[in-house]
Amino acid sequence: MPHEIVWEERGVHKRFSGFLSFEEFARVQEEVLADPRVDTLRYIINDFLAVEGYSVTREEAEYSGAINRGTSFSNSRIRVACVTTNMSARLLIKAAALLSSLEVRTFPTLDMARAWACAPR
């Protein structure tokens, strides 16, 4: 499953494509959250628009949301925008958001996600 991590001035844009396994998503999430730049991030965009299929259980999604709790101790200002039109994926993201201490929202377009994630607060 290919992915791309693009560090931006105030955030990071993670693009996923092809088939997404939880293991691959978790590796990318851990890579970003372990980076020292996470302390100054304002947003993370998880772009799933090019994902053709995935293997993620509800429990794995919840675990992913719980991982964000540790990050919020050092930087609680991060917004997490997820981009997908897949209804099943949206439900998994909602399950993860319930356990995340970061603000997480889902959007159908990258432009909408970026507008929310990058908006001044």
PDB file of N, CA and C in Angstrom:
ATOM      1  N   MET A   1       0.843  -1.168   0.000  1.00  0.00           N
ATOM      2  CA  MET A   1       0.000   0.000   0.000  1.00  0.00           C
ATOM      3  C   MET A   1       0.887   1.229   0.000  1.00  0.00           C
ATOM      4  N   PRO A   2       0.881   1.981  -1.052  1.00  0.00           N
ATOM      5  CA  PRO A   2       1.695   3.196  -1.097  1.00  0.00           C
ATOM      6  C   PRO A   2       1.125   4.310  -0.222  1.00  0.00           C
ATOM      7  N   HIS A   3       2.035   5.077   0.311  1.00  0.00           N
ATOM      8  CA  HIS A   3       1.633   6.273   1.052  1.00  0.00           C
ATOM      9  C   HIS A   3       2.690   7.345   0.820  1.00  0.00           C
ATOM     10  N   GLU A   4       2.293   8.565   1.088  1.00  0.00           N
ATOM     11  CA  GLU A   4       3.204   9.690   0.959  1.00  0.00           C
ATOM     12  C   GLU A   4       2.965  10.616   2.149  1.00  0.00           C
ATOM     13  N   ILE A   5       4.050  11.039   2.778  1.00  0.00           N
ATOM     14  CA  ILE A   5       3.971  11.988   3.879  1.00  0.00           C
ATOM     15  C   ILE A   5       4.560  13.298   3.385  1.00  0.00           C
ATOM     16  N   VAL A   6       3.751  14.345   3.403  1.00  0.00           N
ATOM     17  CA  VAL A   6       4.200  15.656   2.952  1.00  0.00           C
ATOM     18  C   VAL A   6       4.140  16.617   4.147  1.00  0.00           C
ATOM     19  N   TRP A   7       5.319  17.024   4.611  1.00  0.00           N
ATOM     20  CA  TRP A   7       5.384  17.990   5.708  1.00  0.00           C
ATOM     21  C   TRP A   7       5.162  19.379   5.137  1.00  0.00           C
ATOM     22  N   GLU A   8       4.262  20.116   5.765  1.00  0.00           N
ATOM     23  CA  GLU A   8       3.939  21.472   5.343  1.00  0.00           C
ATOM     24  C   GLU A   8       4.328  22.437   6.465  1.00  0.00           C
ATOM     25  N   GLU A   9       4.202  23.718   6.212  1.00  0.00           N
ATOM     26  CA  GLU A   9       4.654  24.708   7.191  1.00  0.00           C
ATOM     27  C   GLU A   9       4.005  24.531   8.568  1.00  0.00           C
ATOM     28  N   ARG A  10       2.707  24.260   8.591  1.00  0.00           N
ATOM     29  CA  ARG A  10       1.998  24.161   9.879  1.00  0.00           C
ATOM     30  C   ARG A  10       1.368  22.796  10.116  1.00  0.00           C
ATOM     31  N   GLY A  11       1.654  21.847   9.221  1.00  0.00           N
ATOM     32  CA  GLY A  11       1.024  20.550   9.382  1.00  0.00           C
ATOM     33  C   GLY A  11       1.659  19.479   8.523  1.00  0.00           C
ATOM     34  N   VAL A  12       0.922  18.386   8.411  1.00  0.00           N
ATOM     35  CA  VAL A  12       1.383  17.261   7.602  1.00  0.00           C
ATOM     36  C   VAL A  12       0.185  16.685   6.845  1.00  0.00           C
ATOM     37  N   HIS A  13       0.438  16.333   5.597  1.00  0.00           N
ATOM     38  CA  HIS A  13      -0.580  15.746   4.720  1.00  0.00           C
ATOM     39  C   HIS A  13      -0.127  14.321   4.412  1.00  0.00           C
ATOM     40  N   LYS A  14      -0.915  13.345   4.846  1.00  0.00           N
ATOM     41  CA  LYS A  14      -0.606  11.940   4.599  1.00  0.00           C
ATOM     42  C   LYS A  14      -1.565  11.427   3.532  1.00  0.00           C
ATOM     43  N   ARG A  15      -1.017  11.012   2.396  1.00  0.00           N
ATOM     44  CA  ARG A  15      -1.833  10.489   1.293  1.00  0.00           C
ATOM     45  C   ARG A  15      -1.674   8.977   1.223  1.00  0.00           C
ATOM     46  N   PHE A  16      -2.794   8.287   1.181  1.00  0.00           N
ATOM     47  CA  PHE A  16      -2.802   6.830   1.082  1.00  0.00           C
ATOM     48  C   PHE A  16      -3.453   6.430  -0.234  1.00  0.00           C
ATOM     49  N   SER A  17      -2.997   5.304  -0.794  1.00  0.00           N
ATOM     50  CA  SER A  17      -3.616   4.815  -2.032  1.00  0.00           C
ATOM     51  C   SER A  17      -3.546   3.295  -2.071  1.00  0.00           C
ATOM     52  N   GLY A  18      -4.346   2.724  -2.950  1.00  0.00           N
ATOM     53  CA  GLY A  18      -4.363   1.275  -3.082  1.00  0.00           C
ATOM     54  C   GLY A  18      -5.102   0.619  -1.930  1.00  0.00           C
ATOM     55  N   PHE A  19      -4.583  -0.507  -1.470  1.00  0.00           N
ATOM     56  CA  PHE A  19      -5.191  -1.241  -0.355  1.00  0.00           C
ATOM     57  C   PHE A  19      -4.515  -0.813   0.945  1.00  0.00           C
ATOM     58  N   LEU A  20      -5.302  -0.427   1.933  1.00  0.00           N
ATOM     59  CA  LEU A  20      -4.778   0.064   3.204  1.00  0.00           C
ATOM     60  C   LEU A  20      -5.010  -0.965   4.301  1.00  0.00           C
ATOM     61  N   SER A  21      -3.923  -1.446   4.879  1.00  0.00           N
ATOM     62  CA  SER A  21      -4.037  -2.312   6.051  1.00  0.00           C
ATOM     63  C   SER A  21      -3.853  -1.462   7.298  1.00  0.00           C
ATOM     64  N   PHE A  22      -4.346  -1.962   8.416  1.00  0.00           N
ATOM     65  CA  PHE A  22      -4.163  -1.227   9.657  1.00  0.00           C
ATOM     66  C   PHE A  22      -2.681  -1.121  10.001  1.00  0.00           C
ATOM     67  N   GLU A  23      -1.929  -2.168   9.740  1.00  0.00           N
ATOM     68  CA  GLU A  23      -0.500  -2.158  10.056  1.00  0.00           C
ATOM     69  C   GLU A  23       0.211  -1.021   9.329  1.00  0.00           C
ATOM     70  N   GLU A  24      -0.110  -0.820   8.060  1.00  0.00           N
ATOM     71  CA  GLU A  24       0.516   0.258   7.292  1.00  0.00           C
ATOM     72  C   GLU A  24       0.089   1.623   7.826  1.00  0.00           C
ATOM     73  N   PHE A  25      -1.199   1.784   8.099  1.00  0.00           N
ATOM     74  CA  PHE A  25      -1.663   3.061   8.637  1.00  0.00           C
ATOM     75  C   PHE A  25      -0.989   3.351   9.975  1.00  0.00           C
ATOM     76  N   ALA A  26      -0.906   2.334  10.835  1.00  0.00           N
ATOM     77  CA  ALA A  26      -0.298   2.515  12.157  1.00  0.00           C
ATOM     78  C   ALA A  26       1.180   2.894  12.030  1.00  0.00           C
ATOM     79  N   ARG A  27       1.908   2.290  11.097  1.00  0.00           N
ATOM     80  CA  ARG A  27       3.324   2.639  10.887  1.00  0.00           C
ATOM     81  C   ARG A  27       3.467   4.106  10.492  1.00  0.00           C
ATOM     82  N   VAL A  28       2.617   4.558   9.592  1.00  0.00           N
ATOM     83  CA  VAL A  28       2.677   5.952   9.141  1.00  0.00           C
ATOM     84  C   VAL A  28       2.290   6.883  10.288  1.00  0.00           C
ATOM     85  N   GLN A  29       1.255   6.531  11.034  1.00  0.00           N
ATOM     86  CA  GLN A  29       0.826   7.343  12.169  1.00  0.00           C
ATOM     87  C   GLN A  29       1.955   7.448  13.195  1.00  0.00           C
ATOM     88  N   GLU A  30       2.587   6.339  13.515  1.00  0.00           N
ATOM     89  CA  GLU A  30       3.683   6.347  14.487  1.00  0.00           C
ATOM     90  C   GLU A  30       4.877   7.145  13.976  1.00  0.00           C
ATOM     91  N   GLU A  31       5.163   7.048  12.681  1.00  0.00           N
ATOM     92  CA  GLU A  31       6.269   7.816  12.106  1.00  0.00           C
ATOM     93  C   GLU A  31       6.042   9.315  12.274  1.00  0.00           C
ATOM     94  N   VAL A  32       4.836   9.759  12.003  1.00  0.00           N
ATOM     95  CA  VAL A  32       4.529  11.180  12.125  1.00  0.00           C
ATOM     96  C   VAL A  32       4.532  11.607  13.595  1.00  0.00           C
ATOM     97  N   LEU A  33       3.877  10.841  14.449  1.00  0.00           N
ATOM     98  CA  LEU A  33       3.757  11.240  15.847  1.00  0.00           C
ATOM     99  C   LEU A  33       5.084  11.168  16.598  1.00  0.00           C
ATOM    100  N   ALA A  34       6.048  10.407  16.087  1.00  0.00           N
ATOM    101  CA  ALA A  34       7.372  10.324  16.717  1.00  0.00           C
ATOM    102  C   ALA A  34       8.309  11.429  16.243  1.00  0.00           C
ATOM    103  N   ASP A  35       7.913  12.149  15.220  1.00  0.00           N
ATOM    104  CA  ASP A  35       8.767  13.201  14.667  1.00  0.00           C
ATOM    105  C   ASP A  35       8.746  14.424  15.596  1.00  0.00           C
ATOM    106  N   PRO A  36       9.900  15.049  15.827  1.00  0.00           N
ATOM    107  CA  PRO A  36       9.937  16.228  16.707  1.00  0.00           C
ATOM    108  C   PRO A  36       9.065  17.388  16.217  1.00  0.00           C
ATOM    109  N   ARG A  37       8.758  17.427  14.919  1.00  0.00           N
ATOM    110  CA  ARG A  37       7.929  18.513  14.386  1.00  0.00           C
ATOM    111  C   ARG A  37       6.492  18.450  14.891  1.00  0.00           C
ATOM    112  N   VAL A  38       6.087  17.318  15.458  1.00  0.00           N
ATOM    113  CA  VAL A  38       4.709  17.176  15.932  1.00  0.00           C
ATOM    114  C   VAL A  38       4.399  18.193  17.037  1.00  0.00           C
ATOM    115  N   ASP A  39       5.412  18.634  17.755  1.00  0.00           N
ATOM    116  CA  ASP A  39       5.195  19.589  18.845  1.00  0.00           C
ATOM    117  C   ASP A  39       4.709  20.948  18.360  1.00  0.00           C
ATOM    118  N   THR A  40       4.928  21.268  17.090  1.00  0.00           N
ATOM    119  CA  THR A  40       4.506  22.566  16.560  1.00  0.00           C
ATOM    120  C   THR A  40       3.410  22.444  15.485  1.00  0.00           C
ATOM    121  N   LEU A  41       2.937  21.244  15.227  1.00  0.00           N
ATOM    122  CA  LEU A  41       1.891  21.056  14.212  1.00  0.00           C
ATOM    123  C   LEU A  41       0.586  21.702  14.624  1.00  0.00           C
ATOM    124  N   ARG A  42      -0.171  22.132  13.630  1.00  0.00           N
ATOM    125  CA  ARG A  42      -1.527  22.624  13.842  1.00  0.00           C
ATOM    126  C   ARG A  42      -2.550  21.675  13.227  1.00  0.00           C
ATOM    127  N   TYR A  43      -2.113  20.862  12.253  1.00  0.00           N
ATOM    128  CA  TYR A  43      -3.064  19.941  11.618  1.00  0.00           C
ATOM    129  C   TYR A  43      -2.364  18.712  11.045  1.00  0.00           C
ATOM    130  N   ILE A  44      -3.164  17.658  10.941  1.00  0.00           N
ATOM    131  CA  ILE A  44      -2.792  16.439  10.233  1.00  0.00           C
ATOM    132  C   ILE A  44      -3.945  16.149   9.283  1.00  0.00           C
ATOM    133  N   ILE A  45      -3.629  15.952   8.018  1.00  0.00           N
ATOM    134  CA  ILE A  45      -4.646  15.567   7.038  1.00  0.00           C
ATOM    135  C   ILE A  45      -4.360  14.135   6.606  1.00  0.00           C
ATOM    136  N   ASN A  46      -5.334  13.248   6.856  1.00  0.00           N
ATOM    137  CA  ASN A  46      -5.268  11.863   6.392  1.00  0.00           C
ATOM    138  C   ASN A  46      -6.141  11.773   5.150  1.00  0.00           C
ATOM    139  N   ASP A  47      -5.511  11.658   4.005  1.00  0.00           N
ATOM    140  CA  ASP A  47      -6.204  11.675   2.719  1.00  0.00           C
ATOM    141  C   ASP A  47      -6.376  10.237   2.221  1.00  0.00           C
ATOM    142  N   PHE A  48      -7.618   9.739   2.299  1.00  0.00           N
ATOM    143  CA  PHE A  48      -7.935   8.372   1.904  1.00  0.00           C
ATOM    144  C   PHE A  48      -8.654   8.294   0.553  1.00  0.00           C
ATOM    145  N   LEU A  49      -8.690   9.368  -0.205  1.00  0.00           N
ATOM    146  CA  LEU A  49      -9.470   9.391  -1.445  1.00  0.00           C
ATOM    147  C   LEU A  49      -9.015   8.355  -2.464  1.00  0.00           C
ATOM    148  N   ALA A  50      -7.737   8.023  -2.493  1.00  0.00           N
ATOM    149  CA  ALA A  50      -7.227   7.063  -3.472  1.00  0.00           C
ATOM    150  C   ALA A  50      -7.155   5.637  -2.922  1.00  0.00           C
ATOM    151  N   VAL A  51      -7.711   5.409  -1.733  1.00  0.00           N
ATOM    152  CA  VAL A  51      -7.727   4.063  -1.158  1.00  0.00           C
ATOM    153  C   VAL A  51      -8.818   3.257  -1.852  1.00  0.00           C
ATOM    154  N   GLU A  52      -8.425   2.090  -2.362  1.00  0.00           N
ATOM    155  CA  GLU A  52      -9.367   1.230  -3.090  1.00  0.00           C
ATOM    156  C   GLU A  52     -10.016   0.188  -2.192  1.00  0.00           C
ATOM    157  N   GLY A  53      -9.411  -0.088  -1.071  1.00  0.00           N
ATOM    158  CA  GLY A  53      -9.933  -1.050  -0.110  1.00  0.00           C
ATOM    159  C   GLY A  53      -9.099  -0.972   1.149  1.00  0.00           C
ATOM    160  N   TYR A  54      -9.645  -1.512   2.238  1.00  0.00           N
ATOM    161  CA  TYR A  54      -8.902  -1.456   3.490  1.00  0.00           C
ATOM    162  C   TYR A  54      -9.269  -2.637   4.376  1.00  0.00           C
ATOM    163  N   SER A  55      -8.368  -2.900   5.316  1.00  0.00           N
ATOM    164  CA  SER A  55      -8.577  -3.946   6.307  1.00  0.00           C
ATOM    165  C   SER A  55      -8.291  -3.336   7.678  1.00  0.00           C
ATOM    166  N   VAL A  56      -9.328  -2.752   8.255  1.00  0.00           N
ATOM    167  CA  VAL A  56      -9.217  -2.105   9.559  1.00  0.00           C
ATOM    168  C   VAL A  56     -10.474  -2.462  10.348  1.00  0.00           C
ATOM    169  N   THR A  57     -10.293  -3.015  11.529  1.00  0.00           N
ATOM    170  CA  THR A  57     -11.438  -3.346  12.378  1.00  0.00           C
ATOM    171  C   THR A  57     -11.799  -2.147  13.241  1.00  0.00           C
ATOM    172  N   ARG A  58     -12.954  -2.206  13.856  1.00  0.00           N
ATOM    173  CA  ARG A  58     -13.376  -1.132  14.761  1.00  0.00           C
ATOM    174  C   ARG A  58     -12.389  -1.007  15.922  1.00  0.00           C
ATOM    175  N   GLU A  59     -11.936  -2.142  16.457  1.00  0.00           N
ATOM    176  CA  GLU A  59     -10.986  -2.119  17.576  1.00  0.00           C
ATOM    177  C   GLU A  59      -9.672  -1.464  17.164  1.00  0.00           C
ATOM    178  N   GLU A  60      -9.210  -1.746  15.955  1.00  0.00           N
ATOM    179  CA  GLU A  60      -7.974  -1.126  15.462  1.00  0.00           C
ATOM    180  C   GLU A  60      -8.161   0.380  15.276  1.00  0.00           C
ATOM    181  N   ALA A  61      -9.318   0.774  14.782  1.00  0.00           N
ATOM    182  CA  ALA A  61      -9.604   2.202  14.613  1.00  0.00           C
ATOM    183  C   ALA A  61      -9.619   2.898  15.974  1.00  0.00           C
ATOM    184  N   GLU A  62     -10.231   2.253  16.960  1.00  0.00           N
ATOM    185  CA  GLU A  62     -10.261   2.831  18.302  1.00  0.00           C
ATOM    186  C   GLU A  62      -8.846   2.942  18.871  1.00  0.00           C
ATOM    187  N   TYR A  63      -8.026   1.933  18.651  1.00  0.00           N
ATOM    188  CA  TYR A  63      -6.629   1.966  19.097  1.00  0.00           C
ATOM    189  C   TYR A  63      -5.901   3.149  18.462  1.00  0.00           C
ATOM    190  N   SER A  64      -6.142   3.362  17.187  1.00  0.00           N
ATOM    191  CA  SER A  64      -5.528   4.482  16.479  1.00  0.00           C
ATOM    192  C   SER A  64      -5.929   5.806  17.122  1.00  0.00           C
ATOM    193  N   GLY A  65      -7.179   5.937  17.480  1.00  0.00           N
ATOM    194  CA  GLY A  65      -7.643   7.151  18.148  1.00  0.00           C
ATOM    195  C   GLY A  65      -7.005   7.323  19.517  1.00  0.00           C
ATOM    196  N   ALA A  66      -6.839   6.228  20.231  1.00  0.00           N
ATOM    197  CA  ALA A  66      -6.241   6.299  21.566  1.00  0.00           C
ATOM    198  C   ALA A  66      -4.778   6.719  21.510  1.00  0.00           C
ATOM    199  N   ILE A  67      -4.071   6.359  20.446  1.00  0.00           N
ATOM    200  CA  ILE A  67      -2.666   6.743  20.304  1.00  0.00           C
ATOM    201  C   ILE A  67      -2.524   8.262  20.316  1.00  0.00           C
ATOM    202  N   ASN A  68      -3.509   8.957  19.787  1.00  0.00           N
ATOM    203  CA  ASN A  68      -3.463  10.418  19.754  1.00  0.00           C
ATOM    204  C   ASN A  68      -3.472  11.045  21.145  1.00  0.00           C
ATOM    205  N   ARG A  69      -3.944  10.312  22.143  1.00  0.00           N
ATOM    206  CA  ARG A  69      -3.997  10.856  23.498  1.00  0.00           C
ATOM    207  C   ARG A  69      -2.622  11.292  23.979  1.00  0.00           C
ATOM    208  N   GLY A  70      -1.611  10.484  23.748  1.00  0.00           N
ATOM    209  CA  GLY A  70      -0.256  10.838  24.168  1.00  0.00           C
ATOM    210  C   GLY A  70       0.238  12.093  23.489  1.00  0.00           C
ATOM    211  N   THR A  71      -0.072  12.228  22.211  1.00  0.00           N
ATOM    212  CA  THR A  71       0.345  13.401  21.449  1.00  0.00           C
ATOM    213  C   THR A  71      -0.293  14.662  22.016  1.00  0.00           C
ATOM    214  N   SER A  72      -1.517  14.552  22.463  1.00  0.00           N
ATOM    215  CA  SER A  72      -2.224  15.744  22.948  1.00  0.00           C
ATOM    216  C   SER A  72      -1.592  16.310  24.212  1.00  0.00           C
ATOM    217  N   PHE A  73      -0.823  15.514  24.951  1.00  0.00           N
ATOM    218  CA  PHE A  73      -0.153  16.050  26.145  1.00  0.00           C
ATOM    219  C   PHE A  73       0.920  17.063  25.766  1.00  0.00           C
ATOM    220  N   SER A  74       1.578  16.844  24.621  1.00  0.00           N
ATOM    221  CA  SER A  74       2.615  17.790  24.208  1.00  0.00           C
ATOM    222  C   SER A  74       2.077  18.847  23.243  1.00  0.00           C
ATOM    223  N   ASN A  75       0.974  18.540  22.553  1.00  0.00           N
ATOM    224  CA  ASN A  75       0.413  19.502  21.600  1.00  0.00           C
ATOM    225  C   ASN A  75      -1.076  19.216  21.420  1.00  0.00           C
ATOM    226  N   SER A  76      -1.891  19.888  22.185  1.00  0.00           N
ATOM    227  CA  SER A  76      -3.338  19.660  22.122  1.00  0.00           C
ATOM    228  C   SER A  76      -4.021  20.486  21.038  1.00  0.00           C
ATOM    229  N   ARG A  77      -3.240  21.290  20.306  1.00  0.00           N
ATOM    230  CA  ARG A  77      -3.826  22.182  19.289  1.00  0.00           C
ATOM    231  C   ARG A  77      -3.998  21.511  17.931  1.00  0.00           C
ATOM    232  N   ILE A  78      -3.550  20.287  17.772  1.00  0.00           N
ATOM    233  CA  ILE A  78      -3.616  19.618  16.468  1.00  0.00           C
ATOM    234  C   ILE A  78      -5.055  19.264  16.119  1.00  0.00           C
ATOM    235  N   ARG A  79      -5.429  19.603  14.902  1.00  0.00           N
ATOM    236  CA  ARG A  79      -6.696  19.151  14.325  1.00  0.00           C
ATOM    237  C   ARG A  79      -6.372  18.026  13.348  1.00  0.00           C
ATOM    238  N   VAL A  80      -7.201  16.995  13.339  1.00  0.00           N
ATOM    239  CA  VAL A  80      -7.012  15.881  12.417  1.00  0.00           C
ATOM    240  C   VAL A  80      -8.186  15.861  11.447  1.00  0.00           C
ATOM    241  N   ALA A  81      -7.888  16.083  10.175  1.00  0.00           N
ATOM    242  CA  ALA A  81      -8.907  16.053   9.130  1.00  0.00           C
ATOM    243  C   ALA A  81      -8.718  14.779   8.306  1.00  0.00           C
ATOM    244  N   CYS A  82      -9.780  14.032   8.149  1.00  0.00           N
ATOM    245  CA  CYS A  82      -9.743  12.814   7.339  1.00  0.00           C
ATOM    246  C   CYS A  82     -10.593  13.044   6.102  1.00  0.00           C
ATOM    247  N   VAL A  83     -10.084  12.593   4.963  1.00  0.00           N
ATOM    248  CA  VAL A  83     -10.763  12.833   3.696  1.00  0.00           C
ATOM    249  C   VAL A  83     -11.155  11.491   3.080  1.00  0.00           C
ATOM    250  N   THR A  84     -12.456  11.258   2.977  1.00  0.00           N
ATOM    251  CA  THR A  84     -12.967  10.042   2.357  1.00  0.00           C
ATOM    252  C   THR A  84     -14.439  10.232   2.000  1.00  0.00           C
ATOM    253  N   THR A  85     -14.871   9.506   0.996  1.00  0.00           N
ATOM    254  CA  THR A  85     -16.290   9.473   0.652  1.00  0.00           C
ATOM    255  C   THR A  85     -16.895   8.114   0.981  1.00  0.00           C
ATOM    256  N   ASN A  86     -16.076   7.209   1.512  1.00  0.00           N
ATOM    257  CA  ASN A  86     -16.508   5.852   1.843  1.00  0.00           C
ATOM    258  C   ASN A  86     -17.235   5.857   3.191  1.00  0.00           C
ATOM    259  N   MET A  87     -18.505   5.473   3.193  1.00  0.00           N
ATOM    260  CA  MET A  87     -19.310   5.529   4.418  1.00  0.00           C
ATOM    261  C   MET A  87     -18.782   4.583   5.494  1.00  0.00           C
ATOM    262  N   SER A  88     -18.328   3.409   5.143  1.00  0.00           N
ATOM    263  CA  SER A  88     -17.777   2.483   6.143  1.00  0.00           C
ATOM    264  C   SER A  88     -16.522   3.067   6.780  1.00  0.00           C
ATOM    265  N   ALA A  89     -15.684   3.683   5.966  1.00  0.00           N
ATOM    266  CA  ALA A  89     -14.469   4.322   6.495  1.00  0.00           C
ATOM    267  C   ALA A  89     -14.842   5.481   7.408  1.00  0.00           C
ATOM    268  N   ARG A  90     -15.861   6.224   7.050  1.00  0.00           N
ATOM    269  CA  ARG A  90     -16.299   7.351   7.893  1.00  0.00           C
ATOM    270  C   ARG A  90     -16.735   6.848   9.271  1.00  0.00           C
ATOM    271  N   LEU A  91     -17.394   5.695   9.321  1.00  0.00           N
ATOM    272  CA  LEU A  91     -17.827   5.125  10.602  1.00  0.00           C
ATOM    273  C   LEU A  91     -16.625   4.692  11.444  1.00  0.00           C
ATOM    274  N   LEU A  92     -15.600   4.128  10.803  1.00  0.00           N
ATOM    275  CA  LEU A  92     -14.382   3.747  11.534  1.00  0.00           C
ATOM    276  C   LEU A  92     -13.667   4.986  12.077  1.00  0.00           C
ATOM    277  N   ILE A  93     -13.632   6.038  11.286  1.00  0.00           N
ATOM    278  CA  ILE A  93     -12.997   7.284  11.731  1.00  0.00           C
ATOM    279  C   ILE A  93     -13.769   7.862  12.914  1.00  0.00           C
ATOM    280  N   LYS A  94     -15.082   7.768  12.864  1.00  0.00           N
ATOM    281  CA  LYS A  94     -15.905   8.261  13.977  1.00  0.00           C
ATOM    282  C   LYS A  94     -15.594   7.478  15.250  1.00  0.00           C
ATOM    283  N   ALA A  95     -15.420   6.159  15.137  1.00  0.00           N
ATOM    284  CA  ALA A  95     -15.069   5.334  16.300  1.00  0.00           C
ATOM    285  C   ALA A  95     -13.716   5.761  16.865  1.00  0.00           C
ATOM    286  N   ALA A  96     -12.761   6.036  15.989  1.00  0.00           N
ATOM    287  CA  ALA A  96     -11.431   6.490  16.435  1.00  0.00           C
ATOM    288  C   ALA A  96     -11.539   7.851  17.099  1.00  0.00           C
ATOM    289  N   ALA A  97     -12.359   8.731  16.551  1.00  0.00           N
ATOM    290  CA  ALA A  97     -12.487  10.093  17.074  1.00  0.00           C
ATOM    291  C   ALA A  97     -13.038  10.098  18.498  1.00  0.00           C
ATOM    292  N   LEU A  98     -13.860   9.126  18.831  1.00  0.00           N
ATOM    293  CA  LEU A  98     -14.429   9.067  20.174  1.00  0.00           C
ATOM    294  C   LEU A  98     -13.355   8.879  21.242  1.00  0.00           C
ATOM    295  N   LEU A  99     -12.261   8.208  20.903  1.00  0.00           N
ATOM    296  CA  LEU A  99     -11.186   7.959  21.862  1.00  0.00           C
ATOM    297  C   LEU A  99     -10.035   8.947  21.745  1.00  0.00           C
ATOM    298  N   SER A 100     -10.031   9.712  20.698  1.00  0.00           N
ATOM    299  CA  SER A 100      -8.948  10.674  20.488  1.00  0.00           C
ATOM    300  C   SER A 100      -9.188  11.917  21.331  1.00  0.00           C
ATOM    301  N   SER A 101      -8.127  12.449  21.895  1.00  0.00           N
ATOM    302  CA  SER A 101      -8.273  13.711  22.616  1.00  0.00           C
ATOM    303  C   SER A 101      -7.994  14.896  21.687  1.00  0.00           C
ATOM    304  N   LEU A 102      -7.662  14.598  20.434  1.00  0.00           N
ATOM    305  CA  LEU A 102      -7.509  15.639  19.418  1.00  0.00           C
ATOM    306  C   LEU A 102      -8.833  15.808  18.692  1.00  0.00           C
ATOM    307  N   GLU A 103      -9.061  16.966  18.119  1.00  0.00           N
ATOM    308  CA  GLU A 103     -10.275  17.213  17.346  1.00  0.00           C
ATOM    309  C   GLU A 103     -10.142  16.515  15.992  1.00  0.00           C
ATOM    310  N   VAL A 104     -11.088  15.627  15.683  1.00  0.00           N
ATOM    311  CA  VAL A 104     -11.054  14.839  14.446  1.00  0.00           C
ATOM    312  C   VAL A 104     -12.365  15.051  13.700  1.00  0.00           C
ATOM    313  N   ARG A 105     -12.250  15.358  12.411  1.00  0.00           N
ATOM    314  CA  ARG A 105     -13.434  15.497  11.556  1.00  0.00           C
ATOM    315  C   ARG A 105     -13.171  14.839  10.210  1.00  0.00           C
ATOM    316  N   THR A 106     -14.243  14.475   9.546  1.00  0.00           N
ATOM    317  CA  THR A 106     -14.157  13.826   8.238  1.00  0.00           C
ATOM    318  C   THR A 106     -14.810  14.707   7.189  1.00  0.00           C
ATOM    319  N   PHE A 107     -14.189  14.739   6.008  1.00  0.00           N
ATOM    320  CA  PHE A 107     -14.656  15.585   4.911  1.00  0.00           C
ATOM    321  C   PHE A 107     -14.647  14.793   3.609  1.00  0.00           C
ATOM    322  N   PRO A 108     -15.536  15.150   2.667  1.00  0.00           N
ATOM    323  CA  PRO A 108     -15.578  14.448   1.384  1.00  0.00           C
ATOM    324  C   PRO A 108     -14.554  14.957   0.371  1.00  0.00           C
ATOM    325  N   THR A 109     -13.973  16.139   0.623  1.00  0.00           N
ATOM    326  CA  THR A 109     -12.988  16.692  -0.319  1.00  0.00           C
ATOM    327  C   THR A 109     -11.765  17.200   0.434  1.00  0.00           C
ATOM    328  N   LEU A 110     -10.643  17.197  -0.252  1.00  0.00           N
ATOM    329  CA  LEU A 110      -9.409  17.709   0.329  1.00  0.00           C
ATOM    330  C   LEU A 110      -9.522  19.207   0.598  1.00  0.00           C
ATOM    331  N   ASP A 111     -10.159  19.944  -0.303  1.00  0.00           N
ATOM    332  CA  ASP A 111     -10.311  21.391  -0.114  1.00  0.00           C
ATOM    333  C   ASP A 111     -11.085  21.709   1.167  1.00  0.00           C
ATOM    334  N   MET A 112     -12.149  20.964   1.427  1.00  0.00           N
ATOM    335  CA  MET A 112     -12.943  21.187   2.637  1.00  0.00           C
ATOM    336  C   MET A 112     -12.122  20.839   3.881  1.00  0.00           C
ATOM    337  N   ALA A 113     -11.399  19.742   3.811  1.00  0.00           N
ATOM    338  CA  ALA A 113     -10.566  19.332   4.947  1.00  0.00           C
ATOM    339  C   ALA A 113      -9.493  20.363   5.242  1.00  0.00           C
ATOM    340  N   ARG A 114      -8.845  20.829   4.202  1.00  0.00           N
ATOM    341  CA  ARG A 114      -7.779  21.806   4.374  1.00  0.00           C
ATOM    342  C   ARG A 114      -8.329  23.142   4.922  1.00  0.00           C
ATOM    343  N   ALA A 115      -9.489  23.552   4.447  1.00  0.00           N
ATOM    344  CA  ALA A 115     -10.084  24.805   4.923  1.00  0.00           C
ATOM    345  C   ALA A 115     -10.352  24.725   6.436  1.00  0.00           C
ATOM    346  N   TRP A 116     -10.866  23.610   6.905  1.00  0.00           N
ATOM    347  CA  TRP A 116     -11.129  23.453   8.334  1.00  0.00           C
ATOM    348  C   TRP A 116      -9.831  23.301   9.124  1.00  0.00           C
ATOM    349  N   ALA A 117      -8.946  22.440   8.649  1.00  0.00           N
ATOM    350  CA  ALA A 117      -7.715  22.144   9.391  1.00  0.00           C
ATOM    351  C   ALA A 117      -6.810  23.367   9.511  1.00  0.00           C
ATOM    352  N   CYS A 118      -6.767  24.171   8.474  1.00  0.00           N
ATOM    353  CA  CYS A 118      -5.849  25.321   8.430  1.00  0.00           C
ATOM    354  C   CYS A 118      -6.486  26.626   8.921  1.00  0.00           C
ATOM    355  N   ALA A 119      -7.772  26.578   9.256  1.00  0.00           N
ATOM    356  CA  ALA A 119      -8.460  27.806   9.704  1.00  0.00           C
ATOM    357  C   ALA A 119      -7.855  28.304  11.012  1.00  0.00           C
ATOM    358  N   PRO A 120      -7.719  29.610  11.141  1.00  0.00           N
ATOM    359  CA  PRO A 120      -7.209  30.147  12.405  1.00  0.00           C
ATOM    360  C   PRO A 120      -8.150  29.818  13.556  1.00  0.00           C
ATOM    361  N   ARG A 121      -7.555  29.631  14.717  1.00  0.00           N
ATOM    362  CA  ARG A 121      -8.369  29.382  15.910  1.00  0.00           C
ATOM    363  C   ARG A 121      -7.865  30.190  17.057  1.00  0.00           C
TER     364      ARG A 121
END
